[in-house]
Amino acid sequence: MLVVLTTVAGVCEGFLLCIRGVLYGDYLGVVSMGLASGLQGLCMVPAFMGAPASIGFFRDKMGSYDQFYWLLGAVNILASCLISVIAVIDKLRRKEWAVN
């Protein structure tokens, strides 16, 4: 089971890595892709710098990583819900291509 979950997680991460540039270009325009990538990297710095402290908090104060895994799962579910809402709104706004 762990192998299957790890494989699915790897495929999802690879897909997101490849599709991010396409989504930047589609929603923000090709000219803004560099700026969007730079701002995303800048916003990720505090998250990466604070990760060891937050992981240590869960281990030291809570006694185990169980609540941390629940938190990670909740964040992933929230992100998937937001992306699903964006996909549905985008699908409703786009018009069908007419083939003559």
Protein backbone atom coordinates (compact mmCIF):
# COMPACT_ATOMS: atom_id res chain seq x y z
CA MET A 1 0.00 0.00 0.00
CA LEU A 2 2.84 2.38 0.82
CA VAL A 3 4.41 1.78 -2.59
CA VAL A 4 1.13 2.66 -4.32
CA LEU A 5 0.65 5.84 -2.28
CA THR A 6 4.26 6.91 -2.85
CA THR A 7 3.92 6.30 -6.58
CA VAL A 8 0.70 8.31 -6.75
CA ALA A 9 2.28 11.16 -4.77
CA GLY A 10 5.30 11.15 -7.10
CA VAL A 11 3.13 11.25 -10.20
CA CYS A 12 1.10 14.14 -8.77
CA GLU A 13 4.24 16.11 -7.86
CA GLY A 14 5.69 15.54 -11.32
CA PHE A 15 2.47 16.64 -12.97
CA LEU A 16 2.30 19.81 -10.88
CA LEU A 17 5.92 20.62 -11.66
CA CYS A 18 5.25 20.34 -15.39
CA ILE A 19 1.88 22.07 -15.49
CA ARG A 20 2.76 25.06 -13.29
CA GLY A 21 4.35 27.03 -16.14
CA VAL A 22 1.42 26.30 -18.42
CA LEU A 23 -1.04 27.56 -15.81
CA TYR A 24 1.04 30.69 -15.22
CA GLY A 25 1.00 31.42 -18.93
CA ASP A 26 -2.71 30.71 -19.27
CA TYR A 27 -3.95 32.74 -16.32
CA LEU A 28 -1.32 35.49 -15.97
CA GLY A 29 0.06 35.79 -19.48
CA VAL A 30 3.41 34.79 -20.91
CA VAL A 31 4.98 38.13 -20.01
CA SER A 32 4.23 37.65 -16.29
CA MET A 33 5.54 34.08 -16.00
CA GLY A 34 8.96 35.10 -14.71
CA LEU A 35 7.53 37.47 -12.14
CA ALA A 36 5.01 34.87 -10.96
CA SER A 37 7.71 32.22 -10.56
CA GLY A 38 9.92 34.64 -8.66
CA LEU A 39 7.13 35.69 -6.32
CA GLN A 40 6.20 32.08 -5.69
CA GLY A 41 9.78 31.29 -4.77
CA LEU A 42 9.93 34.33 -2.50
CA CYS A 43 6.73 33.30 -0.74
CA MET A 44 8.03 29.76 -0.22
CA VAL A 45 11.14 30.88 1.68
CA PRO A 46 9.34 31.48 5.02
CA ALA A 47 7.55 28.15 4.68
CA PHE A 48 10.82 26.30 4.09
CA MET A 49 12.59 28.17 6.88
CA GLY A 50 9.81 27.49 9.37
CA ALA A 51 9.34 23.82 8.51
CA PRO A 52 11.94 22.38 10.94
CA ALA A 53 10.57 24.46 13.83
CA SER A 54 6.99 23.38 13.17
CA ILE A 55 7.97 19.73 12.86
CA GLY A 56 9.96 20.00 16.09
CA PHE A 57 6.99 21.61 17.84
CA PHE A 58 4.77 18.66 17.00
CA ARG A 59 7.34 16.14 18.19
CA ASP A 60 8.39 17.99 21.35
CA LYS A 61 5.07 19.43 22.55
CA MET A 62 2.56 16.91 21.22
CA GLY A 63 4.67 13.79 21.71
CA SER A 64 4.23 12.37 18.21
CA TYR A 65 3.83 13.34 14.59
CA ASP A 66 0.23 12.13 14.35
CA GLN A 67 -1.35 15.58 14.53
CA PHE A 68 1.22 16.87 12.02
CA TYR A 69 0.13 14.25 9.51
CA TRP A 70 -3.49 15.23 10.07
CA LEU A 71 -2.54 18.88 9.47
CA LEU A 72 -0.72 18.00 6.24
CA GLY A 73 -3.70 15.99 5.07
CA ALA A 74 -6.07 18.86 5.84
CA VAL A 75 -3.87 21.31 3.92
CA ASN A 76 -3.78 18.97 0.92
CA ILE A 77 -7.55 18.49 1.00
CA LEU A 78 -8.06 22.26 1.22
CA ALA A 79 -5.73 22.83 -1.74
CA SER A 80 -7.48 20.17 -3.80
CA CYS A 81 -10.88 21.70 -3.02
CA LEU A 82 -9.66 25.15 -4.09
CA ILE A 83 -8.21 23.77 -7.32
CA SER A 84 -11.45 21.87 -7.98
CA VAL A 85 -13.49 25.05 -7.55
CA ILE A 86 -11.17 26.91 -9.92
CA ALA A 87 -11.45 24.09 -12.47
CA VAL A 88 -15.26 24.09 -12.31
CA ILE A 89 -15.47 27.88 -12.64
CA ASP A 90 -13.01 27.79 -15.54
CA LYS A 91 -15.01 25.05 -17.26
CA LEU A 92 -18.23 27.04 -16.91
CA ARG A 93 -16.68 30.24 -18.28
CA ARG A 94 -14.95 28.76 -21.31
CA LYS A 95 -16.90 28.42 -24.50
CA GLU A 96 -16.90 25.37 -26.73
CA TRP A 97 -14.90 25.55 -29.91
CA ALA A 98 -17.10 25.56 -32.97
CA VAL A 99 -15.81 23.49 -35.88
CA ASN A 100 -16.99 24.84 -39.23
